[in-house]
Amino acid sequence: AKNTVYLQMNSLKPEDAGVYYCTSYLPSALSTSCTLAATR
C-alpha cells in the first residue's frame, strides 16, 4: 500500500556499518528468484 520496502536489522555488528542502498530491477518474465549481483 505504501510502495515501501524495509530492512529490519537486528544484532548489528561493527562490520555491518556502511552506506545502505535500496535498489531494483525488472527481471525476466520466467525468473523465479532474485540476484545479489549489483550489475543487474
All heavy atoms as atom14 arrays in JSON, in Angstrom:
{
  "sequence": "AKNTVYLQMNSLKPEDAGVYYCTSYLPSALSTSCTLAATR",
  "atom14_mask": [
    [1, 1, 1, 1, 1, 0, 0, 0, 0, 0, 0, 0, 0, 0],
    [1, 1, 1, 1, 1, 1, 1, 1, 1, 0, 0, 0, 0, 0],
    [1, 1, 1, 1, 1, 1, 1, 1, 0, 0, 0, 0, 0, 0],
    [1, 1, 1, 1, 1, 1, 1, 0, 0, 0, 0, 0, 0, 0],
    [1, 1, 1, 1, 1, 1, 1, 0, 0, 0, 0, 0, 0, 0],
    [1, 1, 1, 1, 1, 1, 1, 1, 1, 1, 1, 1, 0, 0],
    [1, 1, 1, 1, 1, 1, 1, 1, 0, 0, 0, 0, 0, 0],
    [1, 1, 1, 1, 1, 1, 1, 1, 1, 0, 0, 0, 0, 0],
    [1, 1, 1, 1, 1, 1, 1, 1, 0, 0, 0, 0, 0, 0],
    [1, 1, 1, 1, 1, 1, 1, 1, 0, 0, 0, 0, 0, 0],
    [1, 1, 1, 1, 1, 1, 0, 0, 0, 0, 0, 0, 0, 0],
    [1, 1, 1, 1, 1, 1, 1, 1, 0, 0, 0, 0, 0, 0],
    [1, 1, 1, 1, 1, 1, 1, 1, 1, 0, 0, 0, 0, 0],
    [1, 1, 1, 1, 1, 1, 1, 0, 0, 0, 0, 0, 0, 0],
    [1, 1, 1, 1, 1, 1, 1, 1, 1, 0, 0, 0, 0, 0],
    [1, 1, 1, 1, 1, 1, 1, 1, 0, 0, 0, 0, 0, 0],
    [1, 1, 1, 1, 1, 0, 0, 0, 0, 0, 0, 0, 0, 0],
    [1, 1, 1, 1, 0, 0, 0, 0, 0, 0, 0, 0, 0, 0],
    [1, 1, 1, 1, 1, 1, 1, 0, 0, 0, 0, 0, 0, 0],
    [1, 1, 1, 1, 1, 1, 1, 1, 1, 1, 1, 1, 0, 0],
    [1, 1, 1, 1, 1, 1, 1, 1, 1, 1, 1, 1, 0, 0],
    [1, 1, 1, 1, 1, 1, 0, 0, 0, 0, 0, 0, 0, 0],
    [1, 1, 1, 1, 1, 1, 1, 0, 0, 0, 0, 0, 0, 0],
    [1, 1, 1, 1, 1, 1, 0, 0, 0, 0, 0, 0, 0, 0],
    [1, 1, 1, 1, 1, 1, 1, 1, 1, 1, 1, 1, 0, 0],
    [1, 1, 1, 1, 1, 1, 1, 1, 0, 0, 0, 0, 0, 0],
    [1, 1, 1, 1, 1, 1, 1, 0, 0, 0, 0, 0, 0, 0],
    [1, 1, 1, 1, 1, 1, 0, 0, 0, 0, 0, 0, 0, 0],
    [1, 1, 1, 1, 1, 0, 0, 0, 0, 0, 0, 0, 0, 0],
    [1, 1, 1, 1, 1, 1, 1, 1, 0, 0, 0, 0, 0, 0],
    [1, 1, 1, 1, 1, 1, 0, 0, 0, 0, 0, 0, 0, 0],
    [1, 1, 1, 1, 1, 1, 1, 0, 0, 0, 0, 0, 0, 0],
    [1, 1, 1, 1, 1, 1, 0, 0, 0, 0, 0, 0, 0, 0],
    [1, 1, 1, 1, 1, 1, 0, 0, 0, 0, 0, 0, 0, 0],
    [1, 1, 1, 1, 1, 1, 1, 0, 0, 0, 0, 0, 0, 0],
    [1, 1, 1, 1, 1, 1, 1, 1, 0, 0, 0, 0, 0, 0],
    [1, 1, 1, 1, 1, 0, 0, 0, 0, 0, 0, 0, 0, 0],
    [1, 1, 1, 1, 1, 0, 0, 0, 0, 0, 0, 0, 0, 0],
    [1, 1, 1, 1, 1, 1, 1, 0, 0, 0, 0, 0, 0, 0],
    [1, 1, 1, 1, 1, 1, 1, 1, 1, 1, 1, 0, 0, 0]
  ],
  "atom14_positions": [
    [[0.82, -1.21, 0.0], [0.0, 0.0, 0.0], [0.86, 1.26, 0.0], [0.48, 2.28, -0.58], [-0.93, -0.01, 1.19], [0.0, 0.0, 0.0], [0.0, 0.0, 0.0], [0.0, 0.0, 0.0], [0.0, 0.0, 0.0], [0.0, 0.0, 0.0], [0.0, 0.0, 0.0], [0.0, 0.0, 0.0], [0.0, 0.0, 0.0], [0.0, 0.0, 0.0]],
    [[2.01, 1.19, 0.63], [2.88, 2.37, 0.72], [3.99, 2.34, -0.33], [4.79, 3.28, -0.38], [3.5, 2.44, 2.12], [2.5, 2.67, 3.23], [3.2, 2.78, 4.58], [2.2, 3.04, 5.69], [2.87, 3.14, 7.02], [0.0, 0.0, 0.0], [0.0, 0.0, 0.0], [0.0, 0.0, 0.0], [0.0, 0.0, 0.0], [0.0, 0.0, 0.0]],
    [[4.05, 1.28, -1.12], [5.13, 1.14, -2.11], [6.49, 1.32, -1.44], [7.38, 2.03, -1.96], [4.96, 2.15, -3.25], [5.19, 1.53, -4.61], [4.93, 0.35, -4.81], [5.68, 2.32, -5.54], [0.0, 0.0, 0.0], [0.0, 0.0, 0.0], [0.0, 0.0, 0.0], [0.0, 0.0, 0.0], [0.0, 0.0, 0.0], [0.0, 0.0, 0.0]],
    [[6.64, 0.7, -0.3], [7.82, 0.88, 0.52], [8.4, -0.47, 0.91], [7.66, -1.41, 1.2], [7.48, 1.68, 1.8], [7.02, 2.99, 1.42], [8.7, 1.83, 2.7], [0.0, 0.0, 0.0], [0.0, 0.0, 0.0], [0.0, 0.0, 0.0], [0.0, 0.0, 0.0], [0.0, 0.0, 0.0], [0.0, 0.0, 0.0], [0.0, 0.0, 0.0]],
    [[9.72, -0.56, 0.89], [10.41, -1.76, 1.32], [11.24, -1.43, 2.55], [11.73, -0.31, 2.7], [11.29, -2.33, 0.18], [12.37, -1.34, -0.25], [11.91, -3.65, 0.58], [0.0, 0.0, 0.0], [0.0, 0.0, 0.0], [0.0, 0.0, 0.0], [0.0, 0.0, 0.0], [0.0, 0.0, 0.0], [0.0, 0.0, 0.0], [0.0, 0.0, 0.0]],
    [[11.37, -2.39, 3.44], [12.08, -2.19, 4.69], [13.2, -3.21, 4.83], [13.16, -4.29, 4.25], [11.11, -2.35, 5.87], [9.91, -1.44, 5.81], [8.69, -1.9, 5.31], [9.99, -0.13, 6.25], [7.59, -1.07, 5.24], [8.88, 0.71, 6.2], [7.69, 0.24, 5.69], [6.59, 1.06, 5.63], [0.0, 0.0, 0.0], [0.0, 0.0, 0.0]],
    [[14.17, -2.84, 5.62], [15.21, -3.77, 6.03], [15.35, -3.65, 7.55], [15.87, -2.65, 8.05], [16.54, -3.48, 5.35], [17.64, -4.5, 5.62], [17.31, -5.85, 4.97], [19.0, -3.99, 5.11], [0.0, 0.0, 0.0], [0.0, 0.0, 0.0], [0.0, 0.0, 0.0], [0.0, 0.0, 0.0], [0.0, 0.0, 0.0], [0.0, 0.0, 0.0]],
    [[14.85, -4.65, 8.24], [14.99, -4.71, 9.69], [16.33, -5.35, 10.0], [16.59, -6.48, 9.57], [13.86, -5.52, 10.31], [13.96, -5.68, 11.81], [13.78, -4.37, 12.56], [12.89, -3.59, 12.24], [14.62, -4.14, 13.57], [0.0, 0.0, 0.0], [0.0, 0.0, 0.0], [0.0, 0.0, 0.0], [0.0, 0.0, 0.0], [0.0, 0.0, 0.0]],
    [[17.15, -4.64, 10.75], [18.5, -5.12, 11.05], [18.62, -5.27, 12.56], [18.52, -4.28, 13.3], [19.55, -4.13, 10.52], [19.38, -3.81, 9.04], [20.72, -2.81, 8.38], [20.5, -1.3, 9.31], [0.0, 0.0, 0.0], [0.0, 0.0, 0.0], [0.0, 0.0, 0.0], [0.0, 0.0, 0.0], [0.0, 0.0, 0.0], [0.0, 0.0, 0.0]],
    [[18.84, -6.48, 12.99], [18.99, -6.79, 14.41], [20.39, -7.31, 14.7], [21.1, -7.73, 13.78], [17.95, -7.83, 14.84], [16.53, -7.36, 14.66], [16.24, -6.17, 14.78], [15.64, -8.28, 14.36], [0.0, 0.0, 0.0], [0.0, 0.0, 0.0], [0.0, 0.0, 0.0], [0.0, 0.0, 0.0], [0.0, 0.0, 0.0], [0.0, 0.0, 0.0]],
    [[20.75, -7.3, 15.95], [22.06, -7.81, 16.39], [23.17, -7.23, 15.54], [24.05, -7.95, 15.04], [22.08, -9.34, 16.32], [21.04, -9.9, 17.1], [0.0, 0.0, 0.0], [0.0, 0.0, 0.0], [0.0, 0.0, 0.0], [0.0, 0.0, 0.0], [0.0, 0.0, 0.0], [0.0, 0.0, 0.0], [0.0, 0.0, 0.0], [0.0, 0.0, 0.0]],
    [[23.16, -5.95, 15.38], [24.12, -5.29, 14.49], [25.55, -5.41, 15.0], [25.8, -5.37, 16.22], [23.74, -3.83, 14.3], [22.58, -3.61, 13.31], [21.95, -2.25, 13.5], [23.07, -3.79, 11.89], [0.0, 0.0, 0.0], [0.0, 0.0, 0.0], [0.0, 0.0, 0.0], [0.0, 0.0, 0.0], [0.0, 0.0, 0.0], [0.0, 0.0, 0.0]],
    [[26.45, -5.56, 14.05], [27.87, -5.7, 14.34], [28.63, -4.53, 13.7], [28.14, -3.94, 12.72], [28.39, -7.01, 13.75], [27.63, -8.25, 14.19], [28.14, -9.48, 13.46], [27.36, -10.73, 13.84], [27.86, -11.93, 13.13], [0.0, 0.0, 0.0], [0.0, 0.0, 0.0], [0.0, 0.0, 0.0], [0.0, 0.0, 0.0], [0.0, 0.0, 0.0]],
    [[29.8, -4.22, 14.18], [30.59, -3.14, 13.56], [30.81, -3.36, 12.07], [30.83, -2.4, 11.3], [31.9, -3.17, 14.35], [31.51, -3.69, 15.69], [30.43, -4.7, 15.42], [0.0, 0.0, 0.0], [0.0, 0.0, 0.0], [0.0, 0.0, 0.0], [0.0, 0.0, 0.0], [0.0, 0.0, 0.0], [0.0, 0.0, 0.0], [0.0, 0.0, 0.0]],
    [[30.94, -4.6, 11.66], [31.16, -4.89, 10.23], [29.9, -4.69, 9.38], [29.97, -4.78, 8.16], [31.7, -6.31, 10.04], [30.87, -7.39, 10.7], [31.42, -7.8, 12.06], [31.84, -6.9, 12.83], [31.42, -9.02, 12.35], [0.0, 0.0, 0.0], [0.0, 0.0, 0.0], [0.0, 0.0, 0.0], [0.0, 0.0, 0.0], [0.0, 0.0, 0.0]],
    [[28.76, -4.4, 10.01], [27.55, -4.07, 9.25], [27.52, -2.61, 8.84], [26.65, -2.19, 8.08], [26.3, -4.37, 10.07], [26.09, -5.84, 10.33], [26.31, -6.65, 9.4], [25.71, -6.2, 11.46], [0.0, 0.0, 0.0], [0.0, 0.0, 0.0], [0.0, 0.0, 0.0], [0.0, 0.0, 0.0], [0.0, 0.0, 0.0], [0.0, 0.0, 0.0]],
    [[28.45, -1.82, 9.32], [28.45, -0.39, 9.04], [28.72, -0.12, 7.56], [29.45, -0.86, 6.9], [29.49, 0.32, 9.89], [0.0, 0.0, 0.0], [0.0, 0.0, 0.0], [0.0, 0.0, 0.0], [0.0, 0.0, 0.0], [0.0, 0.0, 0.0], [0.0, 0.0, 0.0], [0.0, 0.0, 0.0], [0.0, 0.0, 0.0], [0.0, 0.0, 0.0]],
    [[28.15, 0.96, 7.08], [28.34, 1.36, 5.7], [27.17, 2.17, 5.22], [26.25, 2.46, 5.99], [0.0, 0.0, 0.0], [0.0, 0.0, 0.0], [0.0, 0.0, 0.0], [0.0, 0.0, 0.0], [0.0, 0.0, 0.0], [0.0, 0.0, 0.0], [0.0, 0.0, 0.0], [0.0, 0.0, 0.0], [0.0, 0.0, 0.0], [0.0, 0.0, 0.0]],
    [[27.19, 2.51, 3.96], [26.05, 3.17, 3.35], [25.15, 2.09, 2.75], [25.62, 1.24, 1.98], [26.49, 4.17, 2.27], [25.27, 4.81, 1.61], [27.39, 5.23, 2.86], [0.0, 0.0, 0.0], [0.0, 0.0, 0.0], [0.0, 0.0, 0.0], [0.0, 0.0, 0.0], [0.0, 0.0, 0.0], [0.0, 0.0, 0.0], [0.0, 0.0, 0.0]],
    [[23.9, 2.12, 3.1], [22.94, 1.13, 2.63], [22.1, 1.73, 1.5], [21.57, 2.84, 1.62], [22.05, 0.68, 3.78], [22.71, -0.34, 4.66], [23.76, 0.02, 5.5], [22.32, -1.69, 4.64], [24.4, -0.92, 6.3], [22.93, -2.63, 5.44], [23.97, -2.25, 6.25], [24.6, -3.19, 7.05], [0.0, 0.0, 0.0], [0.0, 0.0, 0.0]],
    [[22.0, 0.97, 0.43], [21.29, 1.41, -0.76], [20.1, 0.5, -1.04], [20.2, -0.73, -0.96], [22.21, 1.38, -1.97], [23.41, 2.3, -1.88], [24.61, 1.86, -1.34], [23.33, 3.62, -2.34], [25.7, 2.7, -1.25], [24.42, 4.46, -2.27], [25.61, 3.99, -1.72], [26.69, 4.84, -1.64], [0.0, 0.0, 0.0], [0.0, 0.0, 0.0]],
    [[19.04, 1.13, -1.42], [17.87, 0.41, -1.94], [17.98, 0.38, -3.45], [18.4, 1.37, -4.07], [16.61, 1.16, -1.49], [15.06, 0.48, -2.12], [0.0, 0.0, 0.0], [0.0, 0.0, 0.0], [0.0, 0.0, 0.0], [0.0, 0.0, 0.0], [0.0, 0.0, 0.0], [0.0, 0.0, 0.0], [0.0, 0.0, 0.0], [0.0, 0.0, 0.0]],
    [[17.59, -0.71, -4.04], [17.79, -0.85, -5.47], [16.73, -1.76, -6.08], [16.03, -2.48, -5.35], [19.21, -1.38, -5.74], [19.43, -1.5, -7.14], [19.42, -2.74, -5.1], [0.0, 0.0, 0.0], [0.0, 0.0, 0.0], [0.0, 0.0, 0.0], [0.0, 0.0, 0.0], [0.0, 0.0, 0.0], [0.0, 0.0, 0.0], [0.0, 0.0, 0.0]],
    [[16.63, -1.73, -7.4], [15.59, -2.51, -8.05], [15.95, -2.81, -9.5], [16.72, -2.07, -10.13], [14.26, -1.74, -8.0], [13.2, -2.5, -8.56], [0.0, 0.0, 0.0], [0.0, 0.0, 0.0], [0.0, 0.0, 0.0], [0.0, 0.0, 0.0], [0.0, 0.0, 0.0], [0.0, 0.0, 0.0], [0.0, 0.0, 0.0], [0.0, 0.0, 0.0]],
    [[15.4, -3.9, -9.99], [15.48, -4.19, -11.42], [14.22, -4.94, -11.84], [13.52, -5.5, -11.0], [16.75, -4.97, -11.78], [16.8, -6.42, -11.33], [16.35, -7.46, -12.14], [17.35, -6.74, -10.08], [16.42, -8.78, -11.71], [17.43, -8.06, -9.65], [16.97, -9.07, -10.47], [17.05, -10.38, -10.05], [0.0, 0.0, 0.0], [0.0, 0.0, 0.0]],
    [[14.0, -4.93, -13.15], [12.87, -5.66, -13.71], [13.37, -7.01, -14.22], [14.16, -7.05, -15.17], [12.25, -4.85, -14.85], [10.95, -5.39, -15.45], [9.85, -5.4, -14.4], [10.53, -4.55, -16.65], [0.0, 0.0, 0.0], [0.0, 0.0, 0.0], [0.0, 0.0, 0.0], [0.0, 0.0, 0.0], [0.0, 0.0, 0.0], [0.0, 0.0, 0.0]],
    [[12.98, -8.1, -13.6], [13.51, -9.39, -14.02], [12.81, -9.9, -15.27], [11.79, -9.37, -15.71], [13.18, -10.27, -12.82], [11.92, -9.69, -12.27], [12.04, -8.21, -12.47], [0.0, 0.0, 0.0], [0.0, 0.0, 0.0], [0.0, 0.0, 0.0], [0.0, 0.0, 0.0], [0.0, 0.0, 0.0], [0.0, 0.0, 0.0], [0.0, 0.0, 0.0]],
    [[13.36, -10.96, -15.84], [12.71, -11.6, -16.97], [11.41, -12.25, -16.49], [11.25, -12.57, -15.32], [13.63, -12.65, -17.59], [13.85, -13.7, -16.67], [0.0, 0.0, 0.0], [0.0, 0.0, 0.0], [0.0, 0.0, 0.0], [0.0, 0.0, 0.0], [0.0, 0.0, 0.0], [0.0, 0.0, 0.0], [0.0, 0.0, 0.0], [0.0, 0.0, 0.0]],
    [[10.51, -12.46, -17.42], [9.2, -12.99, -17.07], [9.28, -14.38, -16.46], [8.44, -14.77, -15.65], [8.31, -13.0, -18.3], [0.0, 0.0, 0.0], [0.0, 0.0, 0.0], [0.0, 0.0, 0.0], [0.0, 0.0, 0.0], [0.0, 0.0, 0.0], [0.0, 0.0, 0.0], [0.0, 0.0, 0.0], [0.0, 0.0, 0.0], [0.0, 0.0, 0.0]],
    [[10.3, -15.13, -16.82], [10.44, -16.51, -16.33], [11.25, -16.59, -15.05], [11.4, -17.67, -14.48], [11.08, -17.38, -17.41], [10.31, -17.51, -18.73], [11.09, -18.36, -19.72], [8.93, -18.09, -18.48], [0.0, 0.0, 0.0], [0.0, 0.0, 0.0], [0.0, 0.0, 0.0], [0.0, 0.0, 0.0], [0.0, 0.0, 0.0], [0.0, 0.0, 0.0]],
    [[11.77, -15.49, -14.58], [12.62, -15.5, -13.39], [11.81, -15.86, -12.15], [10.71, -15.35, -11.93], [13.27, -14.13, -13.2], [13.99, -14.09, -12.01], [0.0, 0.0, 0.0], [0.0, 0.0, 0.0], [0.0, 0.0, 0.0], [0.0, 0.0, 0.0], [0.0, 0.0, 0.0], [0.0, 0.0, 0.0], [0.0, 0.0, 0.0], [0.0, 0.0, 0.0]],
    [[12.35, -16.76, -11.34], [11.66, -17.18, -10.13], [12.37, -16.73, -8.86], [11.87, -16.96, -7.76], [11.54, -18.71, -10.1], [12.86, -19.27, -10.16], [10.71, -19.22, -11.26], [0.0, 0.0, 0.0], [0.0, 0.0, 0.0], [0.0, 0.0, 0.0], [0.0, 0.0, 0.0], [0.0, 0.0, 0.0], [0.0, 0.0, 0.0], [0.0, 0.0, 0.0]],
    [[13.5, -16.08, -9.02], [14.23, -15.62, -7.85], [14.95, -14.33, -8.19], [14.78, -13.79, -9.27], [15.22, -16.68, -7.38], [16.2, -16.92, -8.37], [0.0, 0.0, 0.0], [0.0, 0.0, 0.0], [0.0, 0.0, 0.0], [0.0, 0.0, 0.0], [0.0, 0.0, 0.0], [0.0, 0.0, 0.0], [0.0, 0.0, 0.0], [0.0, 0.0, 0.0]],
    [[15.75, -13.84, -7.25], [16.48, -12.59, -7.46], [17.98, -12.84, -7.3], [18.4, -13.85, -6.77], [16.01, -11.52, -6.47], [16.22, -11.97, -4.74], [0.0, 0.0, 0.0], [0.0, 0.0, 0.0], [0.0, 0.0, 0.0], [0.0, 0.0, 0.0], [0.0, 0.0, 0.0], [0.0, 0.0, 0.0], [0.0, 0.0, 0.0], [0.0, 0.0, 0.0]],
    [[18.74, -11.88, -7.77], [20.19, -11.97, -7.67], [20.73, -10.86, -6.79], [20.14, -9.78, -6.71], [20.84, -11.87, -9.06], [22.26, -11.91, -8.92], [20.46, -10.58, -9.77], [0.0, 0.0, 0.0], [0.0, 0.0, 0.0], [0.0, 0.0, 0.0], [0.0, 0.0, 0.0], [0.0, 0.0, 0.0], [0.0, 0.0, 0.0], [0.0, 0.0, 0.0]],
    [[21.86, -11.12, -6.16], [22.55, -10.09, -5.38], [23.76, -9.55, -6.13], [24.69, -9.02, -5.52], [22.96, -10.66, -4.02], [21.81, -10.88, -3.04], [22.31, -11.52, -1.74], [21.09, -9.57, -2.73], [0.0, 0.0, 0.0], [0.0, 0.0, 0.0], [0.0, 0.0, 0.0], [0.0, 0.0, 0.0], [0.0, 0.0, 0.0], [0.0, 0.0, 0.0]],
    [[23.74, -9.69, -7.44], [24.79, -9.1, -8.26], [24.44, -7.66, -8.57], [23.42, -7.38, -9.22], [24.95, -9.89, -9.55], [0.0, 0.0, 0.0], [0.0, 0.0, 0.0], [0.0, 0.0, 0.0], [0.0, 0.0, 0.0], [0.0, 0.0, 0.0], [0.0, 0.0, 0.0], [0.0, 0.0, 0.0], [0.0, 0.0, 0.0], [0.0, 0.0, 0.0]],
    [[25.27, -6.74, -8.13], [24.96, -5.31, -8.26], [24.79, -4.88, -9.7], [23.99, -3.97, -9.99], [26.05, -4.49, -7.59], [0.0, 0.0, 0.0], [0.0, 0.0, 0.0], [0.0, 0.0, 0.0], [0.0, 0.0, 0.0], [0.0, 0.0, 0.0], [0.0, 0.0, 0.0], [0.0, 0.0, 0.0], [0.0, 0.0, 0.0], [0.0, 0.0, 0.0]],
    [[25.48, -5.51, -10.61], [25.42, -5.1, -12.01], [24.05, -5.33, -12.64], [23.74, -4.78, -13.69], [26.48, -5.84, -12.84], [26.31, -7.25, -12.63], [27.88, -5.44, -12.41], [0.0, 0.0, 0.0], [0.0, 0.0, 0.0], [0.0, 0.0, 0.0], [0.0, 0.0, 0.0], [0.0, 0.0, 0.0], [0.0, 0.0, 0.0], [0.0, 0.0, 0.0]],
    [[23.23, -6.11, -11.97], [21.9, -6.39, -12.5], [20.91, -5.28, -12.2], [19.84, -5.21, -12.81], [21.4, -7.72, -11.9], [20.13, -8.25, -12.51], [20.3, -8.63, -13.97], [19.05, -9.16, -14.52], [18.09, -8.41, -15.06], [18.24, -7.1, -15.09], [17.01, -8.97, -15.55], [0.0, 0.0, 0.0], [0.0, 0.0, 0.0], [0.0, 0.0, 0.0]]
  ]
}
